[in-house]
Amino acid sequence: MAPVLLLEGVAAVRGGLPWRGGSGRVAARARPGPFAYLRGPGRSAELTPVRRRCANPLYRLMMTSFEIFPVGLLIAVVSAALLRNPKVLAARSRAAAA
């Protein structure tokens, strides 16, 4: 959560992030990348609603959280299942028995 907020703060101060097409020295020198086809004719009207939604920092924060949450939940469930098995940390169970 903190890195997302940090990037949002940088974007607010600099007027956008360079790799998103915002103002910045990196954007001025940028060459057409592998996603240049997205800027082709007819794509602008198609992407306008997406740009409008992504301009809202709360929307970007919410979408980033929704992307990260399932991975964190999966890691928590797997680690809880492993730690319930006494054979996983046998040294801990031996120390408790002594």
N, C-alpha and C. Protein backbone atom coordinates (compact mmCIF):
# COMPACT_ATOMS: atom_id res chain seq x y z
N MET A 1 0.82 -1.18 0.00
CA MET A 1 0.00 0.00 0.00
C MET A 1 0.87 1.25 0.00
N ALA A 2 1.96 1.23 0.75
CA ALA A 2 2.83 2.41 0.83
C ALA A 2 3.49 2.73 -0.50
N PRO A 3 4.00 1.74 -1.28
CA PRO A 3 4.58 2.09 -2.58
C PRO A 3 3.57 2.72 -3.53
N VAL A 4 2.33 2.26 -3.46
CA VAL A 4 1.29 2.83 -4.32
C VAL A 4 1.06 4.29 -3.96
N LEU A 5 0.97 4.56 -2.66
CA LEU A 5 0.76 5.93 -2.22
C LEU A 5 1.95 6.81 -2.58
N LEU A 6 3.15 6.26 -2.50
CA LEU A 6 4.34 7.01 -2.87
C LEU A 6 4.31 7.38 -4.36
N LEU A 7 3.96 6.41 -5.21
CA LEU A 7 3.88 6.69 -6.64
C LEU A 7 2.79 7.70 -6.95
N GLU A 8 1.67 7.63 -6.25
CA GLU A 8 0.60 8.61 -6.46
C GLU A 8 1.08 10.00 -6.05
N GLY A 9 1.86 10.08 -4.99
CA GLY A 9 2.41 11.37 -4.57
C GLY A 9 3.37 11.93 -5.60
N VAL A 10 4.21 11.08 -6.16
CA VAL A 10 5.14 11.51 -7.20
C VAL A 10 4.36 11.99 -8.42
N ALA A 11 3.32 11.26 -8.78
CA ALA A 11 2.51 11.64 -9.94
C ALA A 11 1.83 12.98 -9.72
N ALA A 12 1.37 13.23 -8.50
CA ALA A 12 0.70 14.50 -8.21
C ALA A 12 1.68 15.67 -8.27
N VAL A 13 2.90 15.48 -7.79
CA VAL A 13 3.88 16.56 -7.77
C VAL A 13 4.43 16.84 -9.17
N ARG A 14 4.73 15.80 -9.93
CA ARG A 14 5.38 15.98 -11.23
C ARG A 14 4.39 16.14 -12.37
N GLY A 15 3.10 15.99 -12.11
CA GLY A 15 2.12 16.11 -13.18
C GLY A 15 1.97 14.83 -13.98
N GLY A 16 2.29 13.72 -13.40
CA GLY A 16 2.16 12.44 -14.06
C GLY A 16 3.45 11.66 -13.99
N LEU A 17 3.35 10.38 -14.19
CA LEU A 17 4.53 9.52 -14.20
C LEU A 17 5.04 9.40 -15.63
N PRO A 18 6.35 9.44 -15.82
CA PRO A 18 6.91 9.44 -17.18
C PRO A 18 6.47 8.24 -18.01
N TRP A 19 6.38 7.06 -17.42
CA TRP A 19 6.03 5.89 -18.20
C TRP A 19 4.54 5.84 -18.51
N ARG A 20 3.75 6.76 -17.94
CA ARG A 20 2.34 6.86 -18.28
C ARG A 20 2.08 8.01 -19.25
N GLY A 21 3.12 8.63 -19.73
CA GLY A 21 2.95 9.73 -20.66
C GLY A 21 2.84 11.08 -19.98
N GLY A 22 3.13 11.14 -18.69
CA GLY A 22 3.08 12.41 -17.98
C GLY A 22 4.30 13.25 -18.29
N SER A 23 4.32 14.45 -17.74
CA SER A 23 5.46 15.31 -17.99
C SER A 23 6.68 14.75 -17.27
N GLY A 24 7.79 14.86 -17.87
CA GLY A 24 9.02 14.34 -17.28
C GLY A 24 10.08 14.18 -18.34
N ARG A 25 11.32 14.19 -17.93
CA ARG A 25 12.42 14.10 -18.88
C ARG A 25 12.46 12.75 -19.59
N VAL A 26 12.07 11.69 -18.90
CA VAL A 26 12.11 10.37 -19.52
C VAL A 26 11.09 10.29 -20.66
N ALA A 27 9.91 10.88 -20.47
CA ALA A 27 8.87 10.82 -21.50
C ALA A 27 9.29 11.58 -22.75
N ALA A 28 10.05 12.66 -22.60
CA ALA A 28 10.47 13.45 -23.75
C ALA A 28 11.45 12.66 -24.63
N ARG A 29 12.27 11.80 -24.04
CA ARG A 29 13.26 11.04 -24.81
C ARG A 29 12.75 9.67 -25.24
N ALA A 30 11.56 9.32 -24.82
CA ALA A 30 11.08 7.95 -25.03
C ALA A 30 10.89 7.64 -26.51
N ARG A 31 11.29 6.45 -26.89
CA ARG A 31 11.06 5.95 -28.24
C ARG A 31 9.78 5.14 -28.23
N PRO A 32 9.20 4.91 -29.40
CA PRO A 32 8.00 4.06 -29.43
C PRO A 32 8.35 2.68 -28.88
N GLY A 33 7.58 2.24 -27.93
CA GLY A 33 7.85 0.97 -27.28
C GLY A 33 7.03 -0.15 -27.87
N PRO A 34 7.00 -1.26 -27.17
CA PRO A 34 6.27 -2.42 -27.67
C PRO A 34 4.76 -2.22 -27.69
N PHE A 35 4.26 -1.20 -26.99
CA PHE A 35 2.83 -0.96 -26.95
C PHE A 35 2.42 0.24 -27.81
N ALA A 36 3.24 0.58 -28.80
CA ALA A 36 2.93 1.71 -29.67
C ALA A 36 1.65 1.46 -30.47
N TYR A 37 1.32 0.21 -30.72
CA TYR A 37 0.10 -0.10 -31.48
C TYR A 37 -1.15 0.36 -30.74
N LEU A 38 -1.06 0.54 -29.42
CA LEU A 38 -2.22 1.01 -28.66
C LEU A 38 -2.55 2.47 -28.96
N ARG A 39 -1.59 3.19 -29.53
CA ARG A 39 -1.83 4.60 -29.85
C ARG A 39 -2.25 4.79 -31.29
N GLY A 40 -2.61 3.73 -31.96
CA GLY A 40 -2.97 3.79 -33.37
C GLY A 40 -4.31 4.46 -33.60
N PRO A 41 -4.70 4.61 -34.86
CA PRO A 41 -5.97 5.26 -35.17
C PRO A 41 -7.15 4.45 -34.65
N GLY A 42 -8.11 5.15 -34.09
CA GLY A 42 -9.32 4.50 -33.56
C GLY A 42 -9.18 4.03 -32.13
N ARG A 43 -7.99 3.95 -31.62
CA ARG A 43 -7.79 3.45 -30.25
C ARG A 43 -8.06 4.53 -29.21
N SER A 44 -7.94 5.79 -29.60
CA SER A 44 -8.11 6.87 -28.64
C SER A 44 -9.53 6.90 -28.10
N ALA A 45 -10.51 6.80 -28.97
CA ALA A 45 -11.91 6.82 -28.53
C ALA A 45 -12.24 5.59 -27.70
N GLU A 46 -11.59 4.49 -28.03
CA GLU A 46 -11.82 3.25 -27.30
C GLU A 46 -11.25 3.30 -25.89
N LEU A 47 -10.15 4.01 -25.71
CA LEU A 47 -9.47 4.06 -24.41
C LEU A 47 -9.86 5.27 -23.57
N THR A 48 -10.68 6.17 -24.08
CA THR A 48 -11.04 7.38 -23.34
C THR A 48 -11.72 7.06 -22.00
N PRO A 49 -12.70 6.16 -21.94
CA PRO A 49 -13.30 5.85 -20.62
C PRO A 49 -12.28 5.28 -19.63
N VAL A 50 -11.35 4.49 -20.12
CA VAL A 50 -10.32 3.92 -19.25
C VAL A 50 -9.43 5.02 -18.71
N ARG A 51 -9.04 5.96 -19.57
CA ARG A 51 -8.21 7.08 -19.12
C ARG A 51 -8.94 7.92 -18.09
N ARG A 52 -10.22 8.12 -18.31
CA ARG A 52 -11.00 8.93 -17.38
C ARG A 52 -11.06 8.26 -15.99
N ARG A 53 -11.28 6.94 -15.98
CA ARG A 53 -11.32 6.23 -14.70
C ARG A 53 -9.95 6.23 -14.03
N CYS A 54 -8.90 6.02 -14.82
CA CYS A 54 -7.56 5.93 -14.25
C CYS A 54 -7.02 7.28 -13.79
N ALA A 55 -7.66 8.36 -14.17
CA ALA A 55 -7.23 9.68 -13.71
C ALA A 55 -7.55 9.89 -12.24
N ASN A 56 -8.48 9.11 -11.72
CA ASN A 56 -8.87 9.21 -10.31
C ASN A 56 -7.90 8.38 -9.46
N PRO A 57 -7.16 9.02 -8.54
CA PRO A 57 -6.21 8.26 -7.71
C PRO A 57 -6.88 7.21 -6.83
N LEU A 58 -8.10 7.46 -6.37
CA LEU A 58 -8.79 6.46 -5.54
C LEU A 58 -9.12 5.21 -6.35
N TYR A 59 -9.49 5.40 -7.61
CA TYR A 59 -9.77 4.25 -8.47
C TYR A 59 -8.51 3.43 -8.69
N ARG A 60 -7.39 4.10 -8.96
CA ARG A 60 -6.13 3.37 -9.16
C ARG A 60 -5.72 2.63 -7.89
N LEU A 61 -5.91 3.27 -6.73
CA LEU A 61 -5.57 2.62 -5.46
C LEU A 61 -6.44 1.38 -5.24
N MET A 62 -7.75 1.52 -5.54
CA MET A 62 -8.68 0.40 -5.36
C MET A 62 -8.32 -0.75 -6.31
N MET A 63 -8.03 -0.44 -7.57
CA MET A 63 -7.70 -1.49 -8.53
C MET A 63 -6.38 -2.18 -8.18
N THR A 64 -5.41 -1.41 -7.70
CA THR A 64 -4.15 -2.01 -7.29
C THR A 64 -4.36 -2.94 -6.10
N SER A 65 -5.20 -2.53 -5.15
CA SER A 65 -5.49 -3.37 -3.99
C SER A 65 -6.19 -4.65 -4.42
N PHE A 66 -7.12 -4.55 -5.37
CA PHE A 66 -7.82 -5.74 -5.85
C PHE A 66 -6.89 -6.70 -6.58
N GLU A 67 -5.84 -6.18 -7.18
CA GLU A 67 -4.88 -7.06 -7.85
C GLU A 67 -3.99 -7.77 -6.84
N ILE A 68 -3.64 -7.11 -5.76
CA ILE A 68 -2.70 -7.66 -4.79
C ILE A 68 -3.40 -8.57 -3.77
N PHE A 69 -4.65 -8.27 -3.41
CA PHE A 69 -5.35 -8.98 -2.34
C PHE A 69 -5.44 -10.49 -2.56
N PRO A 70 -5.82 -11.00 -3.74
CA PRO A 70 -5.91 -12.46 -3.90
C PRO A 70 -4.58 -13.18 -3.69
N VAL A 71 -3.50 -12.58 -4.10
CA VAL A 71 -2.18 -13.20 -3.92
C VAL A 71 -1.85 -13.27 -2.43
N GLY A 72 -2.07 -12.18 -1.71
CA GLY A 72 -1.82 -12.18 -0.27
C GLY A 72 -2.69 -13.17 0.47
N LEU A 73 -3.95 -13.28 0.06
CA LEU A 73 -4.85 -14.24 0.68
C LEU A 73 -4.40 -15.67 0.44
N LEU A 74 -3.96 -15.96 -0.78
CA LEU A 74 -3.47 -17.30 -1.10
C LEU A 74 -2.24 -17.65 -0.28
N ILE A 75 -1.31 -16.71 -0.16
CA ILE A 75 -0.10 -16.95 0.64
C ILE A 75 -0.45 -17.17 2.10
N ALA A 76 -1.40 -16.40 2.63
CA ALA A 76 -1.80 -16.56 4.03
C ALA A 76 -2.45 -17.92 4.27
N VAL A 77 -3.31 -18.37 3.37
CA VAL A 77 -3.99 -19.65 3.54
C VAL A 77 -3.00 -20.81 3.44
N VAL A 78 -2.09 -20.75 2.47
CA VAL A 78 -1.10 -21.83 2.32
C VAL A 78 -0.18 -21.89 3.53
N SER A 79 0.29 -20.74 4.01
CA SER A 79 1.18 -20.76 5.18
C SER A 79 0.45 -21.22 6.43
N ALA A 80 -0.83 -20.86 6.58
CA ALA A 80 -1.60 -21.33 7.74
C ALA A 80 -1.78 -22.84 7.68
N ALA A 81 -2.04 -23.37 6.48
CA ALA A 81 -2.20 -24.82 6.35
C ALA A 81 -0.89 -25.55 6.65
N LEU A 82 0.23 -24.99 6.21
CA LEU A 82 1.52 -25.62 6.50
C LEU A 82 1.85 -25.56 7.98
N LEU A 83 1.57 -24.45 8.62
CA LEU A 83 1.94 -24.30 10.02
C LEU A 83 1.04 -25.10 10.97
N ARG A 84 -0.12 -25.53 10.50
CA ARG A 84 -0.97 -26.39 11.34
C ARG A 84 -0.42 -27.81 11.40
N ASN A 85 0.42 -28.18 10.46
CA ASN A 85 1.01 -29.52 10.43
C ASN A 85 2.21 -29.53 11.38
N PRO A 86 2.20 -30.36 12.42
CA PRO A 86 3.31 -30.36 13.38
C PRO A 86 4.62 -30.88 12.79
N LYS A 87 4.57 -31.58 11.68
CA LYS A 87 5.80 -32.10 11.07
C LYS A 87 6.57 -31.02 10.32
N VAL A 88 5.92 -29.90 10.00
CA VAL A 88 6.60 -28.84 9.24
C VAL A 88 7.69 -28.20 10.08
N LEU A 89 7.41 -27.88 11.31
CA LEU A 89 8.41 -27.30 12.21
C LEU A 89 8.62 -28.26 13.38
N ALA A 90 9.28 -29.35 13.09
CA ALA A 90 9.47 -30.41 14.09
C ALA A 90 10.31 -29.93 15.27
N ALA A 91 11.26 -29.04 15.06
CA ALA A 91 12.10 -28.56 16.15
C ALA A 91 11.25 -27.80 17.17
N ARG A 92 10.25 -27.10 16.73
CA ARG A 92 9.41 -26.36 17.66
C ARG A 92 8.59 -27.33 18.50
N SER A 93 8.06 -28.38 17.91
CA SER A 93 7.24 -29.33 18.67
C SER A 93 8.09 -30.13 19.65
N ARG A 94 9.36 -30.42 19.31
CA ARG A 94 10.25 -31.12 20.24
C ARG A 94 10.59 -30.24 21.43
N ALA A 95 10.80 -28.98 21.19
CA ALA A 95 11.15 -28.06 22.28
C ALA A 95 9.96 -27.89 23.23
N ALA A 96 8.75 -27.89 22.68
CA ALA A 96 7.56 -27.75 23.53
C ALA A 96 7.32 -29.01 24.36
N ALA A 97 7.71 -30.17 23.84
CA ALA A 97 7.52 -31.43 24.57
C ALA A 97 8.53 -31.60 25.71
N ALA A 98 9.68 -30.95 25.58
CA ALA A 98 10.73 -31.12 26.58
C ALA A 98 10.54 -30.30 27.82
